[in-house]
Each structure stands twice: as structure tokens, then as C-alpha cells.
């Protein structure tokens, strides 16, 4: 989606952040909705649904997990 520019408005509902986007530039006429949900302090899930200018739909999903790792101590 290189060259796309978006303006969005959002709201929070419980553990979800919902943002509705209107795209311009190369993506003129496209719209999308992104929903990011906090599962716990270490995990978020997200889904982003697009309606492209030609009417086709596209969807992407993401899961983010924070993992704590031990680091070596150098003396």
C-alpha cells in the first residue's frame, strides 16, 4: 500500500481500540476499520479490514506477544 495516506477517527470500548480510516493518495476511495484488543498486559491482537477503491475486500490479522528474556551480565 505504498503511497497511501489516511485520516482516521477512533474510540475505545472496554479493552478494544476501534479506528475507522478514509484513504487518499494512491488509495483514494478506500476505507478501513482497525480493531486492536488488549488480551492481557503481555498480549494484543488486531484485525484490519479494508474496502479497496474497486470494491474488493482485504483483511490482515496480527498478534503481538511480549516475552521477557534474560540478558547476560558482562563484568
PDB file of N, CA and C in Angstrom:
ATOM      1  N   UNK A   1       0.826  -1.184   0.000  1.00  0.00           N
ATOM      2  CA  UNK A   1       0.000   0.000   0.000  1.00  0.00           C
ATOM      3  C   UNK A   1       0.872   1.250   0.000  1.00  0.00           C
ATOM      4  N   UNK A   2       1.920   1.232  -0.709  1.00  0.00           N
ATOM      5  CA  UNK A   2       2.828   2.366  -0.762  1.00  0.00           C
ATOM      6  C   UNK A   2       2.136   3.582  -1.369  1.00  0.00           C
ATOM      7  N   UNK A   3       2.349   4.749  -0.759  1.00  0.00           N
ATOM      8  CA  UNK A   3       1.776   5.985  -1.273  1.00  0.00           C
ATOM      9  C   UNK A   3       0.365   6.271  -0.790  1.00  0.00           C
ATOM     10  N   UNK A   4      -0.129   5.469   0.135  1.00  0.00           N
ATOM     11  CA  UNK A   4      -1.454   5.697   0.672  1.00  0.00           C
ATOM     12  C   UNK A   4      -1.358   6.650   1.860  1.00  0.00           C
ATOM     13  N   UNK A   5      -2.342   7.534   1.993  1.00  0.00           N
ATOM     14  CA  UNK A   5      -2.420   8.480   3.108  1.00  0.00           C
ATOM     15  C   UNK A   5      -3.802   8.304   3.727  1.00  0.00           C
ATOM     16  N   UNK A   6      -3.856   8.267   5.058  1.00  0.00           N
ATOM     17  CA  UNK A   6      -5.144   8.008   5.711  1.00  0.00           C
ATOM     18  C   UNK A   6      -5.437   9.020   6.810  1.00  0.00           C
ATOM     19  N   UNK A   7      -6.739   9.252   7.017  1.00  0.00           N
ATOM     20  CA  UNK A   7      -7.216  10.049   8.138  1.00  0.00           C
ATOM     21  C   UNK A   7      -8.201   9.168   8.893  1.00  0.00           C
ATOM     22  N   UNK A   8      -8.014   9.077  10.198  1.00  0.00           N
ATOM     23  CA  UNK A   8      -8.870   8.183  10.965  1.00  0.00           C
ATOM     24  C   UNK A   8      -9.460   8.821  12.192  1.00  0.00           C
ATOM     25  N   UNK A   9     -10.551   8.241  12.623  1.00  0.00           N
ATOM     26  CA  UNK A   9     -11.217   8.636  13.875  1.00  0.00           C
ATOM     27  C   UNK A   9     -11.484   7.358  14.644  1.00  0.00           C
ATOM     28  N   UNK A  10     -11.267   7.417  15.970  1.00  0.00           N
ATOM     29  CA  UNK A  10     -11.409   6.200  16.745  1.00  0.00           C
ATOM     30  C   UNK A  10     -12.085   6.398  18.077  1.00  0.00           C
ATOM     31  N   UNK A  11     -12.266   5.256  18.711  1.00  0.00           N
ATOM     32  CA  UNK A  11     -12.888   5.241  20.032  1.00  0.00           C
ATOM     33  C   UNK A  11     -12.393   3.999  20.775  1.00  0.00           C
ATOM     34  N   UNK A  12     -12.560   4.017  22.074  1.00  0.00           N
ATOM     35  CA  UNK A  12     -12.232   2.855  22.895  1.00  0.00           C
ATOM     36  C   UNK A  12     -13.512   2.277  23.470  1.00  0.00           C
ATOM     37  N   UNK A  13     -13.566   0.958  23.470  1.00  0.00           N
ATOM     38  CA  UNK A  13     -14.685   0.243  24.079  1.00  0.00           C
ATOM     39  C   UNK A  13     -14.079  -0.888  24.891  1.00  0.00           C
ATOM     40  N   UNK A  14     -14.114  -0.780  26.202  1.00  0.00           N
ATOM     41  CA  UNK A  14     -13.509  -1.813  27.045  1.00  0.00           C
ATOM     42  C   UNK A  14     -12.031  -1.956  26.727  1.00  0.00           C
ATOM     43  N   UNK A  15     -11.605  -3.150  26.349  1.00  0.00           N
ATOM     44  CA  UNK A  15     -10.209  -3.419  26.017  1.00  0.00           C
ATOM     45  C   UNK A  15      -9.918  -3.262  24.527  1.00  0.00           C
ATOM     46  N   UNK A  16     -10.845  -2.692  23.755  1.00  0.00           N
ATOM     47  CA  UNK A  16     -10.651  -2.531  22.312  1.00  0.00           C
ATOM     48  C   UNK A  16     -10.478  -1.063  21.929  1.00  0.00           C
ATOM     49  N   UNK A  17      -9.629  -0.860  20.933  1.00  0.00           N
ATOM     50  CA  UNK A  17      -9.483   0.443  20.285  1.00  0.00           C
ATOM     51  C   UNK A  17      -9.929   0.242  18.836  1.00  0.00           C
ATOM     52  N   UNK A  18     -10.929   1.008  18.406  1.00  0.00           N
ATOM     53  CA  UNK A  18     -11.515   0.857  17.074  1.00  0.00           C
ATOM     54  C   UNK A  18     -11.279   2.153  16.302  1.00  0.00           C
ATOM     55  N   UNK A  19     -10.636   2.038  15.137  1.00  0.00           N
ATOM     56  CA  UNK A  19     -10.353   3.227  14.333  1.00  0.00           C
ATOM     57  C   UNK A  19     -10.904   3.009  12.921  1.00  0.00           C
ATOM     58  N   UNK A  20     -11.693   3.973  12.439  1.00  0.00           N
ATOM     59  CA  UNK A  20     -12.226   3.953  11.069  1.00  0.00           C
ATOM     60  C   UNK A  20     -11.387   4.908  10.235  1.00  0.00           C
ATOM     61  N   UNK A  21     -10.906   4.427   9.086  1.00  0.00           N
ATOM     62  CA  UNK A  21      -9.982   5.175   8.237  1.00  0.00           C
ATOM     63  C   UNK A  21     -10.594   5.505   6.889  1.00  0.00           C
ATOM     64  N   UNK A  22     -10.249   6.686   6.354  1.00  0.00           N
ATOM     65  CA  UNK A  22     -10.559   7.072   4.972  1.00  0.00           C
ATOM     66  C   UNK A  22      -9.226   7.340   4.301  1.00  0.00           C
ATOM     67  N   UNK A  23      -9.004   6.677   3.161  1.00  0.00           N
ATOM     68  CA  UNK A  23      -7.711   6.713   2.485  1.00  0.00           C
ATOM     69  C   UNK A  23      -7.731   7.657   1.292  1.00  0.00           C
ATOM     70  N   UNK A  24      -6.589   8.324   1.063  1.00  0.00           N
ATOM     71  CA  UNK A  24      -6.430   9.201  -0.101  1.00  0.00           C
ATOM     72  C   UNK A  24      -5.091   8.873  -0.758  1.00  0.00           C
ATOM     73  N   UNK A  25      -4.609   9.743  -1.613  1.00  0.00           N
ATOM     74  CA  UNK A  25      -3.380   9.435  -2.342  1.00  0.00           C
ATOM     75  C   UNK A  25      -3.621   8.282  -3.292  1.00  0.00           C
ATOM     76  N   UNK A  26      -2.693   7.344  -3.355  1.00  0.00           N
ATOM     77  CA  UNK A  26      -2.837   6.178  -4.226  1.00  0.00           C
ATOM     78  C   UNK A  26      -4.087   5.380  -3.887  1.00  0.00           C
ATOM     79  N   UNK A  27      -4.486   5.375  -2.624  1.00  0.00           N
ATOM     80  CA  UNK A  27      -5.643   4.587  -2.180  1.00  0.00           C
ATOM     81  C   UNK A  27      -6.947   5.345  -2.164  1.00  0.00           C
ATOM     82  N   UNK A  28      -7.046   6.441  -2.915  1.00  0.00           N
ATOM     83  CA  UNK A  28      -8.238   7.289  -2.916  1.00  0.00           C
ATOM     84  C   UNK A  28      -9.513   6.453  -3.027  1.00  0.00           C
ATOM     85  N   UNK A  29     -10.428   6.667  -2.104  1.00  0.00           N
ATOM     86  CA  UNK A  29     -11.716   5.978  -2.129  1.00  0.00           C
ATOM     87  C   UNK A  29     -11.767   4.736  -1.271  1.00  0.00           C
ATOM     88  N   UNK A  30     -10.636   4.275  -0.755  1.00  0.00           N
ATOM     89  CA  UNK A  30     -10.640   3.105   0.117  1.00  0.00           C
ATOM     90  C   UNK A  30     -11.045   3.519   1.530  1.00  0.00           C
ATOM     91  N   UNK A  31     -11.636   2.579   2.265  1.00  0.00           N
ATOM     92  CA  UNK A  31     -11.954   2.774   3.677  1.00  0.00           C
ATOM     93  C   UNK A  31     -11.487   1.532   4.424  1.00  0.00           C
ATOM     94  N   UNK A  32     -11.325   1.666   5.726  1.00  0.00           N
ATOM     95  CA  UNK A  32     -10.943   0.501   6.518  1.00  0.00           C
ATOM     96  C   UNK A  32     -11.326   0.715   7.971  1.00  0.00           C
ATOM     97  N   UNK A  33     -11.349  -0.397   8.685  1.00  0.00           N
ATOM     98  CA  UNK A  33     -11.603  -0.387  10.123  1.00  0.00           C
ATOM     99  C   UNK A  33     -10.526  -1.238  10.771  1.00  0.00           C
ATOM    100  N   UNK A  34      -9.865  -0.683  11.769  1.00  0.00           N
ATOM    101  CA  UNK A  34      -8.855  -1.423  12.529  1.00  0.00           C
ATOM    102  C   UNK A  34      -9.315  -1.590  13.961  1.00  0.00           C
ATOM    103  N   UNK A  35      -9.203  -2.809  14.468  1.00  0.00           N
ATOM    104  CA  UNK A  35      -9.590  -3.100  15.849  1.00  0.00           C
ATOM    105  C   UNK A  35      -8.398  -3.751  16.547  1.00  0.00           C
ATOM    106  N   UNK A  36      -7.912  -3.104  17.601  1.00  0.00           N
ATOM    107  CA  UNK A  36      -6.821  -3.638  18.403  1.00  0.00           C
ATOM    108  C   UNK A  36      -7.398  -3.967  19.771  1.00  0.00           C
ATOM    109  N   UNK A  37      -7.160  -5.206  20.246  1.00  0.00           N
ATOM    110  CA  UNK A  37      -7.713  -5.633  21.532  1.00  0.00           C
ATOM    111  C   UNK A  37      -6.600  -6.053  22.478  1.00  0.00           C
ATOM    112  N   UNK A  38      -6.654  -5.535  23.694  1.00  0.00           N
ATOM    113  CA  UNK A  38      -5.715  -5.931  24.739  1.00  0.00           C
ATOM    114  C   UNK A  38      -6.255  -7.188  25.402  1.00  0.00           C
ATOM    115  N   UNK A  39      -5.519  -8.290  25.267  1.00  0.00           N
ATOM    116  CA  UNK A  39      -5.919  -9.552  25.884  1.00  0.00           C
ATOM    117  C   UNK A  39      -5.458  -9.575  27.343  1.00  0.00           C
ATOM    118  N   UNK A  40      -4.185  -9.201  27.563  1.00  0.00           N
ATOM    119  CA  UNK A  40      -3.634  -9.042  28.910  1.00  0.00           C
ATOM    120  C   UNK A  40      -2.435  -8.104  28.805  1.00  0.00           C
ATOM    121  N   UNK A  41      -1.676  -7.939  29.887  1.00  0.00           N
ATOM    122  CA  UNK A  41      -0.553  -6.993  29.859  1.00  0.00           C
ATOM    123  C   UNK A  41       0.530  -7.389  28.855  1.00  0.00           C
ATOM    124  N   UNK A  42       0.549  -8.631  28.406  1.00  0.00           N
ATOM    125  CA  UNK A  42       1.595  -9.108  27.509  1.00  0.00           C
ATOM    126  C   UNK A  42       1.102  -9.536  26.134  1.00  0.00           C
ATOM    127  N   UNK A  43      -0.174  -9.360  25.839  1.00  0.00           N
ATOM    128  CA  UNK A  43      -0.691  -9.832  24.551  1.00  0.00           C
ATOM    129  C   UNK A  43      -1.764  -8.899  23.991  1.00  0.00           C
ATOM    130  N   UNK A  44      -1.613  -8.562  22.706  1.00  0.00           N
ATOM    131  CA  UNK A  44      -2.591  -7.779  21.952  1.00  0.00           C
ATOM    132  C   UNK A  44      -2.907  -8.528  20.666  1.00  0.00           C
ATOM    133  N   UNK A  45      -4.140  -8.425  20.190  1.00  0.00           N
ATOM    134  CA  UNK A  45      -4.491  -8.947  18.875  1.00  0.00           C
ATOM    135  C   UNK A  45      -5.109  -7.805  18.073  1.00  0.00           C
ATOM    136  N   UNK A  46      -4.973  -7.892  16.773  1.00  0.00           N
ATOM    137  CA  UNK A  46      -5.526  -6.855  15.921  1.00  0.00           C
ATOM    138  C   UNK A  46      -6.054  -7.416  14.621  1.00  0.00           C
ATOM    139  N   UNK A  47      -7.032  -6.749  14.075  1.00  0.00           N
ATOM    140  CA  UNK A  47      -7.574  -7.086  12.757  1.00  0.00           C
ATOM    141  C   UNK A  47      -7.822  -5.767  12.031  1.00  0.00           C
ATOM    142  N   UNK A  48      -7.505  -5.737  10.763  1.00  0.00           N
ATOM    143  CA  UNK A  48      -7.711  -4.539   9.958  1.00  0.00           C
ATOM    144  C   UNK A  48      -8.417  -4.980   8.678  1.00  0.00           C
ATOM    145  N   UNK A  49      -9.625  -4.457   8.450  1.00  0.00           N
ATOM    146  CA  UNK A  49     -10.417  -4.809   7.270  1.00  0.00           C
ATOM    147  C   UNK A  49     -10.494  -3.612   6.336  1.00  0.00           C
ATOM    148  N   UNK A  50     -10.125  -3.826   5.079  1.00  0.00           N
ATOM    149  CA  UNK A  50     -10.111  -2.773   4.064  1.00  0.00           C
ATOM    150  C   UNK A  50     -11.183  -3.026   3.018  1.00  0.00           C
ATOM    151  N   UNK A  51     -11.795  -1.958   2.517  1.00  0.00           N
ATOM    152  CA  UNK A  51     -12.602  -2.000   1.301  1.00  0.00           C
ATOM    153  C   UNK A  51     -11.871  -1.116   0.309  1.00  0.00           C
ATOM    154  N   UNK A  52     -11.331  -1.723  -0.734  1.00  0.00           N
ATOM    155  CA  UNK A  52     -10.498  -1.030  -1.714  1.00  0.00           C
ATOM    156  C   UNK A  52     -11.346  -0.225  -2.683  1.00  0.00           C
ATOM    157  N   UNK A  53     -10.741   0.726  -3.406  1.00  0.00           N
ATOM    158  CA  UNK A  53     -11.499   1.572  -4.328  1.00  0.00           C
ATOM    159  C   UNK A  53     -12.295   0.786  -5.379  1.00  0.00           C
ATOM    160  N   UNK A  54     -11.814  -0.409  -5.771  1.00  0.00           N
ATOM    161  CA  UNK A  54     -12.522  -1.216  -6.761  1.00  0.00           C
ATOM    162  C   UNK A  54     -13.598  -2.105  -6.135  1.00  0.00           C
ATOM    163  N   UNK A  55     -13.818  -1.982  -4.816  1.00  0.00           N
ATOM    164  CA  UNK A  55     -14.841  -2.760  -4.128  1.00  0.00           C
ATOM    165  C   UNK A  55     -14.343  -4.063  -3.527  1.00  0.00           C
ATOM    166  N   UNK A  56     -13.137  -4.488  -3.879  1.00  0.00           N
ATOM    167  CA  UNK A  56     -12.576  -5.703  -3.290  1.00  0.00           C
ATOM    168  C   UNK A  56     -12.293  -5.494  -1.814  1.00  0.00           C
ATOM    169  N   UNK A  57     -12.305  -6.584  -1.065  1.00  0.00           N
ATOM    170  CA  UNK A  57     -12.029  -6.521   0.363  1.00  0.00           C
ATOM    171  C   UNK A  57     -10.709  -7.205   0.672  1.00  0.00           C
ATOM    172  N   UNK A  58     -10.034  -6.709   1.683  1.00  0.00           N
ATOM    173  CA  UNK A  58      -8.771  -7.275   2.118  1.00  0.00           C
ATOM    174  C   UNK A  58      -8.762  -7.228   3.641  1.00  0.00           C
ATOM    175  N   UNK A  59      -8.114  -8.210   4.252  1.00  0.00           N
ATOM    176  CA  UNK A  59      -8.080  -8.271   5.707  1.00  0.00           C
ATOM    177  C   UNK A  59      -6.696  -8.717   6.167  1.00  0.00           C
ATOM    178  N   UNK A  60      -6.225  -8.131   7.252  1.00  0.00           N
ATOM    179  CA  UNK A  60      -4.976  -8.575   7.855  1.00  0.00           C
ATOM    180  C   UNK A  60      -5.181  -8.756   9.349  1.00  0.00           C
ATOM    181  N   UNK A  61      -4.466  -9.733   9.906  1.00  0.00           N
ATOM    182  CA  UNK A  61      -4.549 -10.007  11.337  1.00  0.00           C
ATOM    183  C   UNK A  61      -3.150 -10.010  11.917  1.00  0.00           C
ATOM    184  N   UNK A  62      -3.062  -9.601  13.184  1.00  0.00           N
ATOM    185  CA  UNK A  62      -1.772  -9.557  13.860  1.00  0.00           C
ATOM    186  C   UNK A  62      -1.961  -9.971  15.316  1.00  0.00           C
ATOM    187  N   UNK A  63      -0.935 -10.623  15.862  1.00  0.00           N
ATOM    188  CA  UNK A  63      -0.918 -10.960  17.275  1.00  0.00           C
ATOM    189  C   UNK A  63       0.442 -10.522  17.807  1.00  0.00           C
ATOM    190  N   UNK A  64       0.437  -9.742  18.875  1.00  0.00           N
ATOM    191  CA  UNK A  64       1.677  -9.261  19.472  1.00  0.00           C
ATOM    192  C   UNK A  64       1.796  -9.819  20.880  1.00  0.00           C
ATOM    193  N   UNK A  65       2.934 -10.463  21.150  1.00  0.00           N
ATOM    194  CA  UNK A  65       3.175 -11.064  22.456  1.00  0.00           C
ATOM    195  C   UNK A  65       4.517 -10.550  22.989  1.00  0.00           C
ATOM    196  N   UNK A  66       4.500 -10.025  24.202  1.00  0.00           N
ATOM    197  CA  UNK A  66       5.737  -9.597  24.845  1.00  0.00           C
ATOM    198  C   UNK A  66       6.284 -10.782  25.626  1.00  0.00           C
ATOM    199  N   UNK A  67       7.541 -11.130  25.320  1.00  0.00           N
ATOM    200  CA  UNK A  67       8.213 -12.206  26.037  1.00  0.00           C
ATOM    201  C   UNK A  67       9.419 -11.629  26.754  1.00  0.00           C
ATOM    202  N   UNK A  68       9.530 -11.914  28.008  1.00  0.00           N
ATOM    203  CA  UNK A  68      10.656 -11.433  28.798  1.00  0.00           C
ATOM    204  C   UNK A  68      11.808 -12.415  28.631  1.00  0.00           C
ATOM    205  N   UNK A  69      13.001 -11.873  28.374  1.00  0.00           N
ATOM    206  CA  UNK A  69      14.177 -12.719  28.232  1.00  0.00           C
ATOM    207  C   UNK A  69      15.256 -12.274  29.208  1.00  0.00           C
ATOM    208  N   UNK A  70      16.077 -13.217  29.599  1.00  0.00           N
ATOM    209  CA  UNK A  70      17.210 -12.922  30.471  1.00  0.00           C
ATOM    210  C   UNK A  70      18.335 -12.382  29.600  1.00  0.00           C
ATOM    211  N   UNK A  71      19.035 -11.380  30.083  1.00  0.00           N
ATOM    212  CA  UNK A  71      20.197 -10.870  29.374  1.00  0.00           C
ATOM    213  C   UNK A  71      21.448 -11.233  30.154  1.00  0.00           C
ATOM    214  N   UNK A  72      22.523 -11.448  29.406  1.00  0.00           N
ATOM    215  CA  UNK A  72      23.793 -11.774  30.058  1.00  0.00           C
ATOM    216  C   UNK A  72      24.374 -10.554  30.741  1.00  0.00           C
ATOM    217  N   UNK A  73      24.973 -10.770  31.894  1.00  0.00           N
ATOM    218  CA  UNK A  73      25.636  -9.688  32.598  1.00  0.00           C
ATOM    219  C   UNK A  73      27.130  -9.789  32.282  1.00  0.00           C
ATOM    220  N   UNK A  74      27.698  -8.717  31.770  1.00  0.00           N
ATOM    221  CA  UNK A  74      29.123  -8.685  31.477  1.00  0.00           C
ATOM    222  C   UNK A  74      29.848  -7.948  32.598  1.00  0.00           C
ATOM    223  N   UNK A  75      30.891  -8.559  33.063  1.00  0.00           N
ATOM    224  CA  UNK A  75      31.672  -7.953  34.153  1.00  0.00           C
ATOM    225  C   UNK A  75      32.845  -7.193  33.603  1.00  0.00           C
TER     226      UNK A  75
END
